C-alpha atoms as a PDB file:
ATOM      1  CA  UNK A   1     -33.968  36.793 -56.570  1.00  0.00           C
ATOM      2  CA  UNK A   2     -36.910  35.638 -54.416  1.00  0.00           C
ATOM      3  CA  UNK A   3     -35.923  32.337 -55.938  1.00  0.00           C
ATOM      4  CA  UNK A   4     -32.361  32.410 -55.058  1.00  0.00           C
ATOM      5  CA  UNK A   5     -33.150  32.987 -51.532  1.00  0.00           C
ATOM      6  CA  UNK A   6     -35.670  30.415 -51.305  1.00  0.00           C
ATOM      7  CA  UNK A   7     -33.543  27.692 -52.652  1.00  0.00           C
ATOM      8  CA  UNK A   8     -30.813  27.937 -50.050  1.00  0.00           C
ATOM      9  CA  UNK A   9     -33.386  27.438 -47.314  1.00  0.00           C
ATOM     10  CA  UNK A  10     -34.793  24.126 -48.414  1.00  0.00           C
ATOM     11  CA  UNK A  11     -31.248  22.202 -48.329  1.00  0.00           C
ATOM     12  CA  UNK A  12     -30.720  23.699 -44.962  1.00  0.00           C
ATOM     13  CA  UNK A  13     -34.027  22.116 -43.478  1.00  0.00           C
ATOM     14  CA  UNK A  14     -33.369  18.922 -45.418  1.00  0.00           C
ATOM     15  CA  UNK A  15     -29.889  18.794 -43.497  1.00  0.00           C
ATOM     16  CA  UNK A  16     -31.361  19.519 -40.252  1.00  0.00           C
ATOM     17  CA  UNK A  17     -34.085  16.929 -40.384  1.00  0.00           C
ATOM     18  CA  UNK A  18     -31.358  14.165 -41.359  1.00  0.00           C
ATOM     19  CA  UNK A  19     -29.195  15.437 -38.246  1.00  0.00           C
ATOM     20  CA  UNK A  20     -31.681  15.391 -35.384  1.00  0.00           C
ATOM     21  CA  UNK A  21     -32.851  11.752 -34.839  1.00  0.00           C
ATOM     22  CA  UNK A  22     -36.533  11.236 -33.927  1.00  0.00           C
ATOM     23  CA  UNK A  23     -37.764  10.391 -30.525  1.00  0.00           C
ATOM     24  CA  UNK A  24     -38.437   7.150 -31.128  1.00  0.00           C
ATOM     25  CA  UNK A  25     -34.804   6.392 -32.527  1.00  0.00           C
ATOM     26  CA  UNK A  26     -33.289   8.260 -29.111  1.00  0.00           C
ATOM     27  CA  UNK A  27     -35.711   6.173 -27.047  1.00  0.00           C
ATOM     28  CA  UNK A  28     -34.491   3.246 -28.908  1.00  0.00           C
ATOM     29  CA  UNK A  29     -30.900   3.719 -28.513  1.00  0.00           C
ATOM     30  CA  UNK A  30     -31.447   4.487 -24.837  1.00  0.00           C
ATOM     31  CA  UNK A  31     -33.285   1.046 -24.095  1.00  0.00           C
ATOM     32  CA  UNK A  32     -30.364  -0.535 -26.179  1.00  0.00           C
ATOM     33  CA  UNK A  33     -27.809   1.536 -24.001  1.00  0.00           C
ATOM     34  CA  UNK A  34     -29.700   0.408 -20.689  1.00  0.00           C
ATOM     35  CA  UNK A  35     -29.888  -3.091 -21.627  1.00  0.00           C
ATOM     36  CA  UNK A  36     -25.953  -3.131 -22.251  1.00  0.00           C
ATOM     37  CA  UNK A  37     -25.432  -1.730 -18.675  1.00  0.00           C
ATOM     38  CA  UNK A  38     -28.002  -3.938 -17.276  1.00  0.00           C
ATOM     39  CA  UNK A  39     -26.134  -7.114 -18.663  1.00  0.00           C
ATOM     40  CA  UNK A  40     -22.728  -5.732 -17.712  1.00  0.00           C
ATOM     41  CA  UNK A  41     -24.090  -5.294 -14.059  1.00  0.00           C
ATOM     42  CA  UNK A  42     -25.782  -9.037 -14.388  1.00  0.00           C
ATOM     43  CA  UNK A  43     -22.211 -10.421 -15.624  1.00  0.00           C
ATOM     44  CA  UNK A  44     -20.358  -8.217 -12.765  1.00  0.00           C
ATOM     45  CA  UNK A  45     -22.822  -9.417 -10.155  1.00  0.00           C
ATOM     46  CA  UNK A  46     -22.300 -13.194 -11.254  1.00  0.00           C
ATOM     47  CA  UNK A  47     -18.629 -13.184 -11.240  1.00  0.00           C
ATOM     48  CA  UNK A  48     -18.740 -11.203  -7.772  1.00  0.00           C
ATOM     49  CA  UNK A  49     -20.885 -14.256  -6.770  1.00  0.00           C
ATOM     50  CA  UNK A  50     -18.597 -16.854  -8.294  1.00  0.00           C
ATOM     51  CA  UNK A  51     -15.637 -15.208  -6.506  1.00  0.00           C
ATOM     52  CA  UNK A  52     -17.347 -15.285  -3.477  1.00  0.00           C
ATOM     53  CA  UNK A  53     -18.275 -18.967  -3.710  1.00  0.00           C
ATOM     54  CA  UNK A  54     -14.601 -19.908  -4.650  1.00  0.00           C
ATOM     55  CA  UNK A  55     -13.166 -18.423  -2.113  1.00  0.00           C
ATOM     56  CA  UNK A  56     -15.480 -19.914   0.333  1.00  0.00           C
ATOM     57  CA  UNK A  57     -14.443 -23.472  -1.050  1.00  0.00           C
ATOM     58  CA  UNK A  58     -11.087 -22.387  -0.620  1.00  0.00           C
ATOM     59  CA  UNK A  59     -11.302 -21.733   2.953  1.00  0.00           C
ATOM     60  CA  UNK A  60     -13.256 -24.769   3.518  1.00  0.00           C
ATOM     61  CA  UNK A  61     -10.475 -26.893   2.110  1.00  0.00           C
ATOM     62  CA  UNK A  62      -7.964 -24.883   3.849  1.00  0.00           C
ATOM     63  CA  UNK A  63      -9.533 -25.796   7.366  1.00  0.00           C
ATOM     64  CA  UNK A  64     -10.210 -29.311   6.389  1.00  0.00           C
ATOM     65  CA  UNK A  65      -6.644 -29.746   5.354  1.00  0.00           C
ATOM     66  CA  UNK A  66      -4.469 -27.156   7.752  1.00  0.00           C
ATOM     67  CA  UNK A  67      -3.256 -30.112   9.670  1.00  0.00           C
ATOM     68  CA  UNK A  68      -2.231 -32.569   6.926  1.00  0.00           C
ATOM     69  CA  UNK A  69       1.628 -31.937   7.009  1.00  0.00           C
ATOM     70  CA  UNK A  70       1.438 -32.141  10.494  1.00  0.00           C
ATOM     71  CA  UNK A  71      -0.533 -35.619  10.523  1.00  0.00           C
ATOM     72  CA  UNK A  72       1.935 -36.743   8.034  1.00  0.00           C
ATOM     73  CA  UNK A  73       4.851 -36.388  10.312  1.00  0.00           C
ATOM     74  CA  UNK A  74       2.832 -37.621  13.520  1.00  0.00           C
ATOM     75  CA  UNK A  75       2.162 -40.969  11.446  1.00  0.00           C
ATOM     76  CA  UNK A  76       5.953 -41.567  11.924  1.00  0.00           C
ATOM     77  CA  UNK A  77       5.956 -41.202  15.626  1.00  0.00           C
ATOM     78  CA  UNK A  78       2.998 -43.457  15.738  1.00  0.00           C
ATOM     79  CA  UNK A  79       4.911 -45.923  13.638  1.00  0.00           C
ATOM     80  CA  UNK A  80       7.812 -45.807  15.931  1.00  0.00           C
ATOM     81  CA  UNK A  81       5.575 -46.169  19.276  1.00  0.00           C
ATOM     82  CA  UNK A  82       4.052 -49.319  17.461  1.00  0.00           C
ATOM     83  CA  UNK A  83       7.289 -50.817  16.762  1.00  0.00           C
ATOM     84  CA  UNK A  84       8.142 -50.692  20.174  1.00  0.00           C
ATOM     85  CA  UNK A  85       5.468 -52.263  21.562  1.00  0.00           C
ATOM     86  CA  UNK A  86       5.600 -54.906  18.803  1.00  0.00           C
ATOM     87  CA  UNK A  87       9.184 -55.923  20.158  1.00  0.00           C
ATOM     88  CA  UNK A  88       8.799 -59.595  21.875  1.00  0.00           C
ATOM     89  CA  UNK A  89      11.939 -59.865  23.663  1.00  0.00           C
ATOM     90  CA  UNK A  90      12.185 -56.168  25.099  1.00  0.00           C
ATOM     91  CA  UNK A  91      14.193 -54.919  28.096  1.00  0.00           C
ATOM     92  CA  UNK A  92      13.798 -51.633  30.640  1.00  0.00           C
ATOM     93  CA  UNK A  93      16.899 -50.316  28.494  1.00  0.00           C
ATOM     94  CA  UNK A  94      15.475 -51.098  25.127  1.00  0.00           C
ATOM     95  CA  UNK A  95      12.217 -49.716  25.974  1.00  0.00           C
ATOM     96  CA  UNK A  96      13.793 -46.567  27.224  1.00  0.00           C
ATOM     97  CA  UNK A  97      15.859 -45.931  24.268  1.00  0.00           C
ATOM     98  CA  UNK A  98      12.879 -46.576  21.971  1.00  0.00           C
ATOM     99  CA  UNK A  99      11.170 -44.073  24.040  1.00  0.00           C
ATOM    100  CA  UNK A 100      14.031 -41.322  23.786  1.00  0.00           C
ATOM    101  CA  UNK A 101      14.470 -41.755  20.118  1.00  0.00           C
ATOM    102  CA  UNK A 102      10.506 -41.370  19.944  1.00  0.00           C
ATOM    103  CA  UNK A 103      10.583 -38.282  22.318  1.00  0.00           C
ATOM    104  CA  UNK A 104      13.557 -36.739  19.971  1.00  0.00           C
ATOM    105  CA  UNK A 105      11.200 -37.517  16.921  1.00  0.00           C
ATOM    106  CA  UNK A 106       8.204 -35.758  18.695  1.00  0.00           C
ATOM    107  CA  UNK A 107      10.458 -32.830  19.454  1.00  0.00           C
ATOM    108  CA  UNK A 108      11.874 -32.296  15.676  1.00  0.00           C
ATOM    109  CA  UNK A 109       8.193 -32.114  14.709  1.00  0.00           C
ATOM    110  CA  UNK A 110       7.349 -29.498  17.492  1.00  0.00           C
ATOM    111  CA  UNK A 111      10.421 -27.653  16.002  1.00  0.00           C
ATOM    112  CA  UNK A 112       9.490 -28.200  12.471  1.00  0.00           C
ATOM    113  CA  UNK A 113       5.883 -26.650  13.178  1.00  0.00           C
ATOM    114  CA  UNK A 114       6.819 -23.868  15.573  1.00  0.00           C
ATOM    115  CA  UNK A 115       5.573 -25.916  18.624  1.00  0.00           C
ATOM    116  CA  UNK A 116       7.434 -24.490  22.006  1.00  0.00           C
ATOM    117  CA  UNK A 117       7.530 -25.629  25.505  1.00  0.00           C
ATOM    118  CA  UNK A 118       6.477 -23.490  28.437  1.00  0.00           C
ATOM    119  CA  UNK A 119       8.704 -24.381  31.275  1.00  0.00           C
ATOM    120  CA  UNK A 120       9.212 -21.272  33.468  1.00  0.00           C
ATOM    121  CA  UNK A 121      10.899 -22.382  36.533  1.00  0.00           C
ATOM    122  CA  UNK A 122      12.451 -19.335  38.110  1.00  0.00           C
ATOM    123  CA  UNK A 123      10.619 -17.007  35.750  1.00  0.00           C
ATOM    124  CA  UNK A 124       7.959 -14.201  37.176  1.00  0.00           C
ATOM    125  CA  UNK A 125       4.524 -15.377  36.703  1.00  0.00           C
ATOM    126  CA  UNK A 126       2.615 -14.663  33.856  1.00  0.00           C
ATOM    127  CA  UNK A 127      -0.979 -14.845  33.389  1.00  0.00           C
ATOM    128  CA  UNK A 128      -1.044 -15.118  30.063  1.00  0.00           C
ATOM    129  CA  UNK A 129       1.201 -18.327  29.861  1.00  0.00           C
ATOM    130  CA  UNK A 130       1.111 -19.573  33.402  1.00  0.00           C
ATOM    131  CA  UNK A 131      -1.819 -21.445  35.545  1.00  0.00           C
ATOM    132  CA  UNK A 132      -1.054 -20.919  39.195  1.00  0.00           C
ATOM    133  CA  UNK A 133      -2.551 -24.320  41.215  1.00  0.00           C
ATOM    134  CA  UNK A 134      -0.989 -23.180  44.456  1.00  0.00           C
ATOM    135  CA  UNK A 135       1.441 -20.912  46.437  1.00  0.00           C
ATOM    136  CA  UNK A 136       4.301 -22.162  48.262  1.00  0.00           C
ATOM    137  CA  UNK A 137       6.695 -20.466  50.735  1.00  0.00           C
ATOM    138  CA  UNK A 138      10.204 -20.056  49.157  1.00  0.00           C
ATOM    139  CA  UNK A 139      13.285 -17.900  49.350  1.00  0.00           C
ATOM    140  CA  UNK A 140      12.233 -16.686  45.923  1.00  0.00           C
ATOM    141  CA  UNK A 141      10.901 -13.509  45.548  1.00  0.00           C
ATOM    142  CA  UNK A 142       6.932 -13.196  45.499  1.00  0.00           C
ATOM    143  CA  UNK A 143       4.987 -14.291  42.394  1.00  0.00           C
ATOM    144  CA  UNK A 144       8.007 -16.278  40.764  1.00  0.00           C
ATOM    145  CA  UNK A 145       7.495 -19.618  39.687  1.00  0.00           C
ATOM    146  CA  UNK A 146       8.955 -22.184  41.744  1.00  0.00           C
ATOM    147  CA  UNK A 147       8.003 -25.436  40.135  1.00  0.00           C
ATOM    148  CA  UNK A 148       6.171 -26.642  37.134  1.00  0.00           C
ATOM    149  CA  UNK A 149       3.187 -29.405  37.540  1.00  0.00           C
ATOM    150  CA  UNK A 150       2.710 -29.560  33.873  1.00  0.00           C
ATOM    151  CA  UNK A 151       4.572 -27.813  31.117  1.00  0.00           C
ATOM    152  CA  UNK A 152       2.693 -25.441  28.831  1.00  0.00           C
ATOM    153  CA  UNK A 153       3.030 -25.124  24.945  1.00  0.00           C
ATOM    154  CA  UNK A 154       2.629 -22.432  22.646  1.00  0.00           C
ATOM    155  CA  UNK A 155       2.120 -22.320  18.722  1.00  0.00           C
ATOM    156  CA  UNK A 156       3.899 -19.399  16.858  1.00  0.00           C
ATOM    157  CA  UNK A 157       3.725 -17.332  20.339  1.00  0.00           C
ATOM    158  CA  UNK A 158       0.178 -18.109  20.768  1.00  0.00           C
ATOM    159  CA  UNK A 159      -0.454 -20.164  24.030  1.00  0.00           C
ATOM    160  CA  UNK A 160      -2.026 -23.860  23.242  1.00  0.00           C
ATOM    161  CA  UNK A 161      -1.845 -24.898  27.048  1.00  0.00           C
ATOM    162  CA  UNK A 162      -0.625 -22.429  29.903  1.00  0.00           C
ATOM    163  CA  UNK A 163       1.840 -24.296  32.274  1.00  0.00           C
ATOM    164  CA  UNK A 164       0.307 -25.512  35.673  1.00  0.00           C
ATOM    165  CA  UNK A 165       2.719 -23.865  37.946  1.00  0.00           C
ATOM    166  CA  UNK A 166       3.432 -23.228  41.844  1.00  0.00           C
ATOM    167  CA  UNK A 167       4.144 -19.799  42.635  1.00  0.00           C
ATOM    168  CA  UNK A 168       6.304 -18.499  45.616  1.00  0.00           C
ATOM    169  CA  UNK A 169       4.342 -16.636  48.181  1.00  0.00           C
ATOM    170  CA  UNK A 170       5.337 -13.292  49.413  1.00  0.00           C
ATOM    171  CA  UNK A 171       7.304 -13.720  52.852  1.00  0.00           C
ATOM    172  CA  UNK A 172       5.457 -12.666  55.883  1.00  0.00           C
END
């Protein structure tokens, strides 16, 4: 019987030897896995760099060509002004009507691009939209805009140029 007991033990040892990989094989597998992870990391790093570079190019192009639509609209106004100056037999009335038409074109472009006038006569002084250049005695309430020396403009609620105004002085 001793032989029967010895016989089953040998195949078990053989099976265990096949299941457990050698240290060299484990090291080789770990190195392969590490290389795969390194390659994936390098690919992700390169892809991130490419995305960053493309985004910078897009931003650069957006800055460079941001005013292209506005510029195209302004060309028509320039053409109108040049055509008005090229007229040989112009009268004061024709110049005036040409300037009025050109001003309408400009107002249309301003409206299209959301550029609004700041003309605050009679409004309370607002340091964010107005620049006071002096004070006048007036019947109006103190710190009220009495007159506008130069209109201001805003683009999408952002002041491009404040209105230059005269403000009512407090009564003594």
